[in-house]
Protein backbone atom coordinates (compact mmCIF):
# COMPACT_ATOMS: atom_id res chain seq x y z
CA MET A 1 90.48 111.59 160.97
CA GLY A 2 91.78 112.39 164.41
CA GLY A 3 93.28 115.79 163.55
CA ARG A 4 95.68 117.80 165.63
CA VAL A 5 95.53 119.58 168.95
CA SER A 6 94.95 123.33 168.99
CA ARG A 7 95.22 125.59 172.05
CA GLN A 8 92.92 128.55 172.55
CA ALA A 9 92.65 131.16 175.30
CA ARG A 10 92.30 129.97 178.91
CA GLU A 11 94.16 126.79 177.94
CA ALA A 12 91.15 125.20 176.29
CA VAL A 13 92.38 122.40 174.05
CA ALA A 14 90.54 121.75 170.80
CA ILE A 15 90.98 119.11 168.12
CA SER A 16 91.37 120.16 164.48
CA VAL A 17 89.79 117.91 161.87
CA HIS A 18 90.17 118.12 158.13
CA ALA A 19 86.89 118.11 156.23
CA PRO A 20 86.31 120.23 153.10
CA CYS A 21 87.65 122.91 155.45
CA GLU A 22 89.58 122.89 158.73
CA LEU A 23 87.24 122.68 161.71
CA GLU A 24 88.00 122.71 165.42
CA LEU A 25 86.09 120.64 167.96
CA MET A 26 85.81 122.88 171.01
CA PRO A 27 85.52 121.82 174.67
CA GLU A 28 82.55 124.21 174.91
CA ARG A 29 80.59 121.58 172.91
CA ALA A 30 80.89 123.58 169.71
CA VAL A 31 82.55 123.36 166.30
CA TRP A 32 84.60 126.34 165.19
CA TRP A 33 85.36 127.24 161.56
CA PRO A 34 88.16 129.81 161.79
CA GLU A 35 88.20 130.71 158.09
CA ARG A 36 84.53 131.75 158.16
CA ARG A 37 84.57 133.00 161.78
CA ALA A 38 81.57 130.72 162.30
CA VAL A 39 80.70 128.71 165.39
CA PHE A 40 78.24 125.80 165.35
CA VAL A 41 76.28 124.43 168.31
CA SER A 42 73.30 122.11 168.60
CA ASP A 43 70.51 121.12 170.97
CA LEU A 44 70.16 124.01 173.39
CA HIS A 45 66.63 122.94 174.37
CA LEU A 46 65.90 126.35 175.88
CA GLY A 47 62.87 126.27 178.15
CA LYS A 48 63.26 122.60 178.99
CA GLY A 49 63.27 123.30 182.72
CA ALA A 50 60.11 125.38 182.44
CA THR A 51 58.49 122.63 180.36
CA PHE A 52 59.11 120.05 183.07
CA ARG A 53 58.13 122.42 185.86
CA SER A 54 54.80 123.05 184.10
CA ALA A 55 54.21 119.30 184.45
CA GLY A 56 54.96 119.39 188.18
CA ALA A 57 58.63 118.40 188.19
CA CYS A 58 60.90 120.32 190.57
CA LEU A 59 63.81 121.42 188.38
CA PRO A 60 66.34 124.29 188.40
CA VAL A 61 65.28 127.64 186.99
CA ASP A 62 68.63 129.06 185.84
CA GLY A 63 69.62 126.62 183.10
CA ASP A 64 68.70 128.90 180.21
CA GLU A 65 70.66 131.84 181.61
CA GLU A 66 73.70 129.60 182.09
CA GLN A 67 73.53 128.39 178.49
CA LEU A 68 73.18 131.85 177.01
CA SER A 69 76.06 133.09 179.14
CA ARG A 70 78.27 130.23 177.92
CA LEU A 71 77.35 131.01 174.32
CA SER A 72 78.15 134.69 174.75
CA GLY A 73 81.49 133.83 176.32
CA LEU A 74 82.37 131.48 173.48
CA VAL A 75 81.45 134.00 170.79
CA GLU A 76 83.46 136.70 172.52
CA ARG A 77 86.50 134.49 173.09
CA LEU A 78 86.63 133.37 169.47
CA ALA A 79 85.68 136.77 168.03
CA ALA A 80 83.09 134.85 166.00
CA GLU A 81 81.05 136.64 163.37
CA ARG A 82 78.34 134.04 162.91
CA LEU A 83 76.56 131.55 165.19
CA ILE A 84 74.70 128.63 163.63
CA VAL A 85 72.43 126.43 165.76
CA LEU A 86 71.96 122.94 164.30
CA GLY A 87 68.46 122.41 165.62
CA ASP A 88 66.46 122.17 168.84
CA LEU A 89 66.99 125.74 169.91
CA VAL A 90 63.95 125.38 172.19
CA HIS A 91 62.44 122.34 173.83
CA ALA A 92 58.64 122.67 173.71
CA PRO A 93 55.90 125.31 173.48
CA ALA A 94 55.17 125.00 177.20
CA GLY A 95 58.68 126.19 177.96
CA VAL A 96 58.53 129.29 175.76
CA THR A 97 57.36 131.55 178.55
CA ALA A 98 57.22 135.34 178.57
CA GLU A 99 60.33 135.26 180.74
CA LEU A 100 62.23 133.14 178.19
CA LEU A 101 61.09 135.35 175.31
CA GLU A 102 62.38 138.44 177.09
CA ARG A 103 65.61 136.77 178.23
CA VAL A 104 66.56 135.56 174.75
CA THR A 105 65.57 138.92 173.23
CA ARG A 106 67.99 140.71 175.58
CA TRP A 107 70.73 138.14 174.92
CA ARG A 108 70.25 138.37 171.16
CA ALA A 109 70.46 142.17 171.21
CA SER A 110 73.72 142.02 173.18
CA LEU A 111 75.36 139.41 170.96
CA GLY A 112 75.90 141.63 167.93
CA ILE A 113 76.54 138.90 165.33
CA GLU A 114 74.50 136.96 162.80
CA VAL A 115 72.58 134.00 164.26
CA SER A 116 71.05 131.25 162.11
CA LEU A 117 68.98 128.17 162.91
CA VAL A 118 68.66 124.86 161.06
CA PRO A 119 65.31 123.78 162.55
CA GLY A 120 65.18 120.53 164.49
CA ASN A 121 62.34 118.27 165.54
CA HIS A 122 61.66 120.42 168.62
CA ASP A 123 61.54 123.67 166.64
CA ARG A 124 57.98 123.38 165.32
CA HIS A 125 57.27 127.01 166.15
CA ALA A 126 60.66 128.22 164.86
CA PRO A 127 59.31 130.79 162.35
CA ARG A 128 57.63 132.82 165.10
CA LEU A 129 60.61 132.67 167.43
CA ALA A 130 63.14 133.32 164.67
CA GLU A 131 61.33 136.53 163.79
CA ALA A 132 61.02 137.60 167.44
CA TRP A 133 64.69 136.91 168.15
CA ASP A 134 66.18 138.14 164.84
CA ILE A 135 67.41 134.69 163.87
CA ASN A 136 67.85 133.60 160.25
CA LEU A 137 65.74 130.48 159.70
CA LEU A 138 67.57 128.12 157.33
CA PRO A 139 66.23 125.07 155.46
CA THR A 140 66.38 121.68 157.20
CA SER A 141 69.40 120.95 154.97
CA GLU A 142 71.69 123.88 154.23
CA ARG A 143 74.93 123.91 152.23
CA LEU A 144 77.75 126.17 153.38
CA GLY A 145 81.18 126.08 151.81
CA GLY A 146 81.25 122.34 151.15
CA LEU A 147 79.45 121.46 154.41
CA GLU A 148 75.92 120.15 154.74
CA LEU A 149 74.18 121.44 157.86
CA VAL A 150 71.35 119.28 159.23
CA HIS A 151 69.83 118.52 162.60
CA ASP A 152 69.38 114.76 162.33
CA PRO A 153 72.42 112.96 160.86
CA GLU A 154 70.06 110.40 159.33
CA GLU A 155 68.77 113.19 157.08
CA ALA A 156 72.19 114.04 155.62
CA SER A 157 72.31 113.51 151.85
CA GLY A 158 75.56 111.53 151.89
CA ASP A 159 77.19 113.62 149.17
CA ALA A 160 78.74 116.28 151.41
CA PHE A 161 80.55 116.39 154.73
CA PHE A 162 77.83 116.97 157.30
CA LEU A 163 77.50 118.68 160.66
CA ALA A 164 74.56 117.50 162.77
CA GLY A 165 73.22 117.22 166.30
CA HIS A 166 70.06 115.49 167.57
CA VAL A 167 71.77 112.38 169.02
CA HIS A 168 73.29 113.98 172.19
CA PRO A 169 76.27 111.57 171.98
CA VAL A 170 78.18 110.54 175.10
CA VAL A 171 81.01 108.07 175.61
CA CYS A 172 81.06 105.76 178.63
CA PHE A 173 84.08 104.65 180.64
CA ARG A 174 83.79 101.82 183.14
CA GLY A 175 86.23 100.45 185.65
CA GLY A 176 86.55 99.47 189.29
CA GLY A 177 82.81 99.16 189.65
CA ASP A 178 82.29 102.78 188.62
CA ALA A 179 81.17 104.49 185.41
CA LEU A 180 81.71 107.89 183.81
CA ARG A 181 79.75 109.44 180.95
CA LEU A 182 81.28 112.31 178.98
CA PRO A 183 79.77 114.30 176.13
CA CYS A 184 81.58 113.65 172.88
CA PHE A 185 81.82 114.51 169.21
CA VAL A 186 81.40 111.64 166.75
CA GLU A 187 83.63 112.06 163.70
CA TYR A 188 82.79 109.84 160.72
CA GLY A 189 85.37 109.18 158.06
CA PRO A 190 84.68 108.58 154.35
CA SER A 191 82.75 105.41 153.57
CA ALA A 192 80.96 104.01 150.52
CA GLY A 193 81.18 107.29 148.65
CA SER A 194 80.12 109.42 151.60
CA PRO A 195 82.68 112.04 152.68
CA GLY A 196 81.74 111.63 156.38
CA GLY A 197 80.71 114.16 158.97
CA ILE A 198 80.54 115.19 162.62
CA ILE A 199 77.77 114.80 165.18
CA LEU A 200 77.98 117.48 167.87
CA PRO A 201 77.21 116.87 171.54
CA ALA A 202 74.23 118.69 173.00
CA PHE A 203 75.21 122.21 174.03
CA SER A 204 72.73 121.95 176.87
CA ARG A 205 74.00 120.26 180.01
CA PHE A 206 70.41 119.47 180.93
CA THR A 207 69.83 116.63 178.45
CA GLY A 208 70.09 112.88 178.34
CA GLY A 209 72.73 111.28 176.16
CA ALA A 210 73.00 108.39 173.74
CA ALA A 211 75.98 106.19 174.57
CA ILE A 212 78.14 105.63 171.48
CA ASN A 213 80.24 102.49 171.28
CA ARG A 214 83.93 103.26 170.88
CA ARG A 215 84.30 100.27 168.57
CA SER A 216 83.15 100.45 164.98
CA ASP A 217 79.77 98.89 164.36
CA GLY A 218 80.72 97.78 160.88
CA GLY A 219 79.54 101.01 159.28
CA ALA A 220 81.52 104.14 158.51
CA PRO A 221 84.84 104.45 160.38
CA ARG A 222 84.55 106.83 163.30
CA VAL A 223 86.49 108.48 166.09
CA LEU A 224 84.94 109.65 169.33
CA HIS A 225 86.31 112.87 170.80
CA ALA A 226 85.42 113.11 174.49
CA ILE A 227 85.09 116.44 176.31
CA ALA A 228 86.76 116.45 179.72
CA ASP A 229 86.86 119.84 181.42
CA ASP A 230 88.72 122.17 179.03
CA ARG A 231 90.04 119.47 176.71
CA VAL A 232 88.83 117.47 173.74
CA GLU A 233 90.53 114.09 173.47
CA PRO A 234 90.13 111.25 170.94
CA VAL A 235 89.24 108.00 172.70
């Protein structure tokens, strides 16, 4: 656990971790698998702003465009050949507007690589959207080269190293009467026969977060990797 530091373009600093394969925890809130040219993200919650606005909340309208632009930039920078979303691609039916459908369709056509989705609890209408957006819909638990891909870490089988989302983990720092919350990866080491796994932070910046205690809770050993600007740092 803990891994080594890896530098990418634009001085982004990632952390390499050794699972059944070498993975890199990226400051863009993604996991990168160089050998397979595959990038993993989770919890985009596209259409969340529109969902809240439909209920009368005054929220920004450009969040989806910003997310898709960040994803395109990441894929291009890494020369990725496959993008896998670990659940909650969209937020709710009310947010899947005609504008969002058209926007994602244009983005998908411009991306030019394979995109797959492990459906999450918000993806109840995933089959329709997957077909419309040319996205491969995977099972809720998918095996890929020694990894188990799930949305909710509680649904991991325990017999393979997992990648998951769902939790939206953040780490909190307090001092001098102030507090700071940073998105983080949660890396679990082997425990009680389980090979461990990684929980990804939400790719969306428009989400709440579950604060994860930096001290072990008596369960599997873990390391938190906080994202601060263009760096990933174990804390």
